Amino acid sequence: MLTVRLLRPSDVNSITELTRSSLGEAYPTSFYLTIIEHWPEGSLVATDGNRIAGFIVGVISGVRQAR
């Protein structure tokens, strides 16, 4: 069963690998840690037991702008 929760700093290595393996993109772990620090409510993970099955990260980049 999938559970959705806020992204935690301890998840960063797993989502970095998930991004690399599924999208072929590599963001530094500092990218995710900065987002967690500044916008913790904008990042969610879906877990299946202890495994991260997916995630979503959103940030506000300016007035009326988001990504």
PDB file of N, CA and C in Angstrom:
ATOM      1  N   MET A   1       0.831  -1.172   0.000  1.00  0.00           N
ATOM      2  CA  MET A   1       0.000   0.000   0.000  1.00  0.00           C
ATOM      3  C   MET A   1       0.886   1.249   0.000  1.00  0.00           C
ATOM      4  N   LEU A   2       0.564   2.205  -0.842  1.00  0.00           N
ATOM      5  CA  LEU A   2       1.336   3.447  -0.907  1.00  0.00           C
ATOM      6  C   LEU A   2       0.908   4.404   0.197  1.00  0.00           C
ATOM      7  N   THR A   3       1.889   5.076   0.742  1.00  0.00           N
ATOM      8  CA  THR A   3       1.677   6.114   1.736  1.00  0.00           C
ATOM      9  C   THR A   3       2.367   7.370   1.239  1.00  0.00           C
ATOM     10  N   VAL A   4       1.711   8.520   1.383  1.00  0.00           N
ATOM     11  CA  VAL A   4       2.301   9.797   0.979  1.00  0.00           C
ATOM     12  C   VAL A   4       2.652  10.574   2.234  1.00  0.00           C
ATOM     13  N   ARG A   5       3.862  11.129   2.235  1.00  0.00           N
ATOM     14  CA  ARG A   5       4.329  11.914   3.383  1.00  0.00           C
ATOM     15  C   ARG A   5       5.290  12.987   2.890  1.00  0.00           C
ATOM     16  N   LEU A   6       5.656  13.891   3.789  1.00  0.00           N
ATOM     17  CA  LEU A   6       6.628  14.928   3.451  1.00  0.00           C
ATOM     18  C   LEU A   6       8.003  14.318   3.199  1.00  0.00           C
ATOM     19  N   LEU A   7       8.727  14.916   2.283  1.00  0.00           N
ATOM     20  CA  LEU A   7      10.100  14.513   1.991  1.00  0.00           C
ATOM     21  C   LEU A   7      10.982  14.820   3.199  1.00  0.00           C
ATOM     22  N   ARG A   8      11.862  13.895   3.525  1.00  0.00           N
ATOM     23  CA  ARG A   8      12.792  14.056   4.650  1.00  0.00           C
ATOM     24  C   ARG A   8      14.220  14.100   4.123  1.00  0.00           C
ATOM     25  N   PRO A   9      15.125  14.748   4.849  1.00  0.00           N
ATOM     26  CA  PRO A   9      16.527  14.746   4.421  1.00  0.00           C
ATOM     27  C   PRO A   9      17.079  13.333   4.217  1.00  0.00           C
ATOM     28  N   SER A  10      16.615  12.381   4.996  1.00  0.00           N
ATOM     29  CA  SER A  10      17.103  11.004   4.849  1.00  0.00           C
ATOM     30  C   SER A  10      16.638  10.341   3.550  1.00  0.00           C
ATOM     31  N   ASP A  11      15.695  10.964   2.833  1.00  0.00           N
ATOM     32  CA  ASP A  11      15.194  10.432   1.558  1.00  0.00           C
ATOM     33  C   ASP A  11      16.019  10.881   0.361  1.00  0.00           C
ATOM     34  N   VAL A  12      16.869  11.868   0.548  1.00  0.00           N
ATOM     35  CA  VAL A  12      17.523  12.532  -0.576  1.00  0.00           C
ATOM     36  C   VAL A  12      18.342  11.577  -1.445  1.00  0.00           C
ATOM     37  N   ASN A  13      19.108  10.695  -0.862  1.00  0.00           N
ATOM     38  CA  ASN A  13      19.893   9.765  -1.687  1.00  0.00           C
ATOM     39  C   ASN A  13      18.992   8.881  -2.536  1.00  0.00           C
ATOM     40  N   SER A  14      17.886   8.433  -1.984  1.00  0.00           N
ATOM     41  CA  SER A  14      16.957   7.579  -2.728  1.00  0.00           C
ATOM     42  C   SER A  14      16.300   8.325  -3.883  1.00  0.00           C
ATOM     43  N   ILE A  15      15.869   9.569  -3.652  1.00  0.00           N
ATOM     44  CA  ILE A  15      15.214  10.282  -4.749  1.00  0.00           C
ATOM     45  C   ILE A  15      16.222  10.740  -5.796  1.00  0.00           C
ATOM     46  N   THR A  16      17.462  10.998  -5.378  1.00  0.00           N
ATOM     47  CA  THR A  16      18.508  11.324  -6.349  1.00  0.00           C
ATOM     48  C   THR A  16      18.728  10.142  -7.284  1.00  0.00           C
ATOM     49  N   GLU A  17      18.798   8.948  -6.741  1.00  0.00           N
ATOM     50  CA  GLU A  17      18.973   7.743  -7.556  1.00  0.00           C
ATOM     51  C   GLU A  17      17.741   7.470  -8.411  1.00  0.00           C
ATOM     52  N   LEU A  18      16.564   7.679  -7.874  1.00  0.00           N
ATOM     53  CA  LEU A  18      15.331   7.489  -8.634  1.00  0.00           C
ATOM     54  C   LEU A  18      15.275   8.443  -9.826  1.00  0.00           C
ATOM     55  N   THR A  19      15.659   9.688  -9.622  1.00  0.00           N
ATOM     56  CA  THR A  19      15.695  10.666 -10.707  1.00  0.00           C
ATOM     57  C   THR A  19      16.712  10.265 -11.762  1.00  0.00           C
ATOM     58  N   ARG A  20      17.864   9.835 -11.331  1.00  0.00           N
ATOM     59  CA  ARG A  20      18.922   9.424 -12.256  1.00  0.00           C
ATOM     60  C   ARG A  20      18.479   8.209 -13.083  1.00  0.00           C
ATOM     61  N   SER A  21      17.897   7.218 -12.431  1.00  0.00           N
ATOM     62  CA  SER A  21      17.543   5.981 -13.137  1.00  0.00           C
ATOM     63  C   SER A  21      16.304   6.126 -14.018  1.00  0.00           C
ATOM     64  N   SER A  22      15.340   6.939 -13.615  1.00  0.00           N
ATOM     65  CA  SER A  22      14.108   7.045 -14.398  1.00  0.00           C
ATOM     66  C   SER A  22      14.121   8.184 -15.409  1.00  0.00           C
ATOM     67  N   LEU A  23      14.795   9.272 -15.103  1.00  0.00           N
ATOM     68  CA  LEU A  23      14.805  10.430 -15.997  1.00  0.00           C
ATOM     69  C   LEU A  23      16.145  10.675 -16.670  1.00  0.00           C
ATOM     70  N   GLY A  24      17.179  10.006 -16.189  1.00  0.00           N
ATOM     71  CA  GLY A  24      18.510  10.236 -16.743  1.00  0.00           C
ATOM     72  C   GLY A  24      19.087  11.586 -16.352  1.00  0.00           C
ATOM     73  N   GLU A  25      18.544  12.184 -15.305  1.00  0.00           N
ATOM     74  CA  GLU A  25      19.009  13.489 -14.834  1.00  0.00           C
ATOM     75  C   GLU A  25      19.656  13.315 -13.465  1.00  0.00           C
ATOM     76  N   ALA A  26      20.655  14.122 -13.212  1.00  0.00           N
ATOM     77  CA  ALA A  26      21.353  14.031 -11.926  1.00  0.00           C
ATOM     78  C   ALA A  26      21.417  15.416 -11.289  1.00  0.00           C
ATOM     79  N   TYR A  27      20.643  15.603 -10.246  1.00  0.00           N
ATOM     80  CA  TYR A  27      20.701  16.834  -9.473  1.00  0.00           C
ATOM     81  C   TYR A  27      21.530  16.563  -8.227  1.00  0.00           C
ATOM     82  N   PRO A  28      22.315  17.531  -7.788  1.00  0.00           N
ATOM     83  CA  PRO A  28      23.100  17.311  -6.566  1.00  0.00           C
ATOM     84  C   PRO A  28      22.176  17.180  -5.355  1.00  0.00           C
ATOM     85  N   THR A  29      22.611  16.429  -4.377  1.00  0.00           N
ATOM     86  CA  THR A  29      21.788  16.259  -3.179  1.00  0.00           C
ATOM     87  C   THR A  29      21.523  17.600  -2.491  1.00  0.00           C
ATOM     88  N   SER A  30      22.436  18.544  -2.647  1.00  0.00           N
ATOM     89  CA  SER A  30      22.241  19.866  -2.039  1.00  0.00           C
ATOM     90  C   SER A  30      21.006  20.567  -2.602  1.00  0.00           C
ATOM     91  N   PHE A  31      20.647  20.279  -3.849  1.00  0.00           N
ATOM     92  CA  PHE A  31      19.446  20.847  -4.472  1.00  0.00           C
ATOM     93  C   PHE A  31      18.209  20.472  -3.652  1.00  0.00           C
ATOM     94  N   TYR A  32      18.065  19.189  -3.375  1.00  0.00           N
ATOM     95  CA  TYR A  32      16.907  18.714  -2.615  1.00  0.00           C
ATOM     96  C   TYR A  32      16.953  19.172  -1.163  1.00  0.00           C
ATOM     97  N   LEU A  33      18.124  19.173  -0.568  1.00  0.00           N
ATOM     98  CA  LEU A  33      18.243  19.606   0.829  1.00  0.00           C
ATOM     99  C   LEU A  33      17.874  21.076   0.992  1.00  0.00           C
ATOM    100  N   THR A  34      18.233  21.897   0.017  1.00  0.00           N
ATOM    101  CA  THR A  34      17.867  23.313   0.055  1.00  0.00           C
ATOM    102  C   THR A  34      16.361  23.480  -0.041  1.00  0.00           C
ATOM    103  N   ILE A  35      15.732  22.710  -0.918  1.00  0.00           N
ATOM    104  CA  ILE A  35      14.274  22.781  -1.054  1.00  0.00           C
ATOM    105  C   ILE A  35      13.591  22.354   0.244  1.00  0.00           C
ATOM    106  N   ILE A  36      14.056  21.276   0.840  1.00  0.00           N
ATOM    107  CA  ILE A  36      13.476  20.817   2.108  1.00  0.00           C
ATOM    108  C   ILE A  36      13.626  21.892   3.186  1.00  0.00           C
ATOM    109  N   GLU A  37      14.766  22.540   3.200  1.00  0.00           N
ATOM    110  CA  GLU A  37      15.026  23.570   4.215  1.00  0.00           C
ATOM    111  C   GLU A  37      14.103  24.776   4.049  1.00  0.00           C
ATOM    112  N   HIS A  38      13.908  25.226   2.797  1.00  0.00           N
ATOM    113  CA  HIS A  38      13.161  26.459   2.553  1.00  0.00           C
ATOM    114  C   HIS A  38      11.671  26.246   2.295  1.00  0.00           C
ATOM    115  N   TRP A  39      11.288  25.121   1.706  1.00  0.00           N
ATOM    116  CA  TRP A  39       9.891  24.842   1.370  1.00  0.00           C
ATOM    117  C   TRP A  39       9.535  23.403   1.731  1.00  0.00           C
ATOM    118  N   PRO A  40       9.589  23.041   2.998  1.00  0.00           N
ATOM    119  CA  PRO A  40       9.368  21.637   3.379  1.00  0.00           C
ATOM    120  C   PRO A  40       7.985  21.113   3.005  1.00  0.00           C
ATOM    121  N   GLU A  41       6.984  21.990   2.968  1.00  0.00           N
ATOM    122  CA  GLU A  41       5.634  21.537   2.660  1.00  0.00           C
ATOM    123  C   GLU A  41       5.405  21.301   1.164  1.00  0.00           C
ATOM    124  N   GLY A  42       6.373  21.646   0.327  1.00  0.00           N
ATOM    125  CA  GLY A  42       6.215  21.506  -1.122  1.00  0.00           C
ATOM    126  C   GLY A  42       6.822  20.249  -1.706  1.00  0.00           C
ATOM    127  N   SER A  43       7.241  19.324  -0.884  1.00  0.00           N
ATOM    128  CA  SER A  43       7.910  18.120  -1.372  1.00  0.00           C
ATOM    129  C   SER A  43       7.322  16.892  -0.691  1.00  0.00           C
ATOM    130  N   LEU A  44       6.841  15.972  -1.503  1.00  0.00           N
ATOM    131  CA  LEU A  44       6.199  14.769  -0.986  1.00  0.00           C
ATOM    132  C   LEU A  44       6.841  13.525  -1.578  1.00  0.00           C
ATOM    133  N   VAL A  45       6.800  12.438  -0.833  1.00  0.00           N
ATOM    134  CA  VAL A  45       7.237  11.142  -1.348  1.00  0.00           C
ATOM    135  C   VAL A  45       6.104  10.143  -1.167  1.00  0.00           C
ATOM    136  N   ALA A  46       6.041   9.198  -2.090  1.00  0.00           N
ATOM    137  CA  ALA A  46       5.135   8.061  -1.972  1.00  0.00           C
ATOM    138  C   ALA A  46       5.994   6.864  -1.611  1.00  0.00           C
ATOM    139  N   THR A  47       5.652   6.205  -0.529  1.00  0.00           N
ATOM    140  CA  THR A  47       6.429   5.048  -0.095  1.00  0.00           C
ATOM    141  C   THR A  47       5.580   3.786  -0.169  1.00  0.00           C
ATOM    142  N   ASP A  48       6.256   2.704  -0.457  1.00  0.00           N
ATOM    143  CA  ASP A  48       5.653   1.372  -0.445  1.00  0.00           C
ATOM    144  C   ASP A  48       6.475   0.565   0.547  1.00  0.00           C
ATOM    145  N   GLY A  49       6.017   0.526   1.782  1.00  0.00           N
ATOM    146  CA  GLY A  49       6.840  -0.038   2.848  1.00  0.00           C
ATOM    147  C   GLY A  49       7.998   0.907   3.120  1.00  0.00           C
ATOM    148  N   ASN A  50       9.214   0.398   3.035  1.00  0.00           N
ATOM    149  CA  ASN A  50      10.406   1.228   3.239  1.00  0.00           C
ATOM    150  C   ASN A  50      10.976   1.773   1.939  1.00  0.00           C
ATOM    151  N   ARG A  51      10.351   1.451   0.803  1.00  0.00           N
ATOM    152  CA  ARG A  51      10.870   1.846  -0.508  1.00  0.00           C
ATOM    153  C   ARG A  51      10.156   3.099  -1.000  1.00  0.00           C
ATOM    154  N   ILE A  52      10.923   4.051  -1.524  1.00  0.00           N
ATOM    155  CA  ILE A  52      10.324   5.231  -2.134  1.00  0.00           C
ATOM    156  C   ILE A  52       9.907   4.860  -3.551  1.00  0.00           C
ATOM    157  N   ALA A  53       8.607   4.990  -3.817  1.00  0.00           N
ATOM    158  CA  ALA A  53       8.053   4.627  -5.117  1.00  0.00           C
ATOM    159  C   ALA A  53       7.959   5.830  -6.045  1.00  0.00           C
ATOM    160  N   GLY A  54       7.941   7.034  -5.493  1.00  0.00           N
ATOM    161  CA  GLY A  54       7.855   8.242  -6.300  1.00  0.00           C
ATOM    162  C   GLY A  54       7.937   9.469  -5.415  1.00  0.00           C
ATOM    163  N   PHE A  55       8.056  10.617  -6.055  1.00  0.00           N
ATOM    164  CA  PHE A  55       8.120  11.862  -5.293  1.00  0.00           C
ATOM    165  C   PHE A  55       7.724  13.022  -6.178  1.00  0.00           C
ATOM    166  N   ILE A  56       7.385  14.127  -5.547  1.00  0.00           N
ATOM    167  CA  ILE A  56       7.094  15.368  -6.251  1.00  0.00           C
ATOM    168  C   ILE A  56       7.726  16.498  -5.448  1.00  0.00           C
ATOM    169  N   VAL A  57       8.344  17.422  -6.161  1.00  0.00           N
ATOM    170  CA  VAL A  57       9.000  18.564  -5.534  1.00  0.00           C
ATOM    171  C   VAL A  57       8.490  19.816  -6.229  1.00  0.00           C
ATOM    172  N   GLY A  58       8.018  20.767  -5.461  1.00  0.00           N
ATOM    173  CA  GLY A  58       7.566  22.029  -6.016  1.00  0.00           C
ATOM    174  C   GLY A  58       8.175  23.186  -5.251  1.00  0.00           C
ATOM    175  N   VAL A  59       8.459  24.264  -5.964  1.00  0.00           N
ATOM    176  CA  VAL A  59       9.016  25.454  -5.323  1.00  0.00           C
ATOM    177  C   VAL A  59       8.336  26.694  -5.870  1.00  0.00           C
ATOM    178  N   ILE A  60       8.325  27.727  -5.075  1.00  0.00           N
ATOM    179  CA  ILE A  60       7.871  29.034  -5.529  1.00  0.00           C
ATOM    180  C   ILE A  60       9.118  29.801  -5.924  1.00  0.00           C
ATOM    181  N   SER A  61       9.168  30.224  -7.182  1.00  0.00           N
ATOM    182  CA  SER A  61      10.374  30.894  -7.664  1.00  0.00           C
ATOM    183  C   SER A  61      10.208  32.402  -7.781  1.00  0.00           C
ATOM    184  N   GLY A  62       9.006  32.897  -7.603  1.00  0.00           N
ATOM    185  CA  GLY A  62       8.770  34.323  -7.666  1.00  0.00           C
ATOM    186  C   GLY A  62       7.285  34.595  -7.492  1.00  0.00           C
ATOM    187  N   VAL A  63       6.910  35.867  -7.528  1.00  0.00           N
ATOM    188  CA  VAL A  63       5.511  36.233  -7.393  1.00  0.00           C
ATOM    189  C   VAL A  63       4.725  35.624  -8.549  1.00  0.00           C
ATOM    190  N   ARG A  64       3.709  34.840  -8.204  1.00  0.00           N
ATOM    191  CA  ARG A  64       2.842  34.174  -9.175  1.00  0.00           C
ATOM    192  C   ARG A  64       3.584  33.206 -10.092  1.00  0.00           C
ATOM    193  N   GLN A  65       4.725  32.728  -9.656  1.00  0.00           N
ATOM    194  CA  GLN A  65       5.490  31.755 -10.432  1.00  0.00           C
ATOM    195  C   GLN A  65       5.801  30.559  -9.550  1.00  0.00           C
ATOM    196  N   ALA A  66       5.681  29.403 -10.123  1.00  0.00           N
ATOM    197  CA  ALA A  66       6.034  28.180  -9.406  1.00  0.00           C
ATOM    198  C   ALA A  66       6.627  27.206 -10.397  1.00  0.00           C
ATOM    199  N   ARG A  67       7.288  26.184  -9.862  1.00  0.00           N
ATOM    200  CA  ARG A  67       7.849  25.163 -10.737  1.00  0.00           C
ATOM    201  C   ARG A  67       7.838  23.833 -10.058  1.00  0.00           C
TER     202      ARG A  67
END
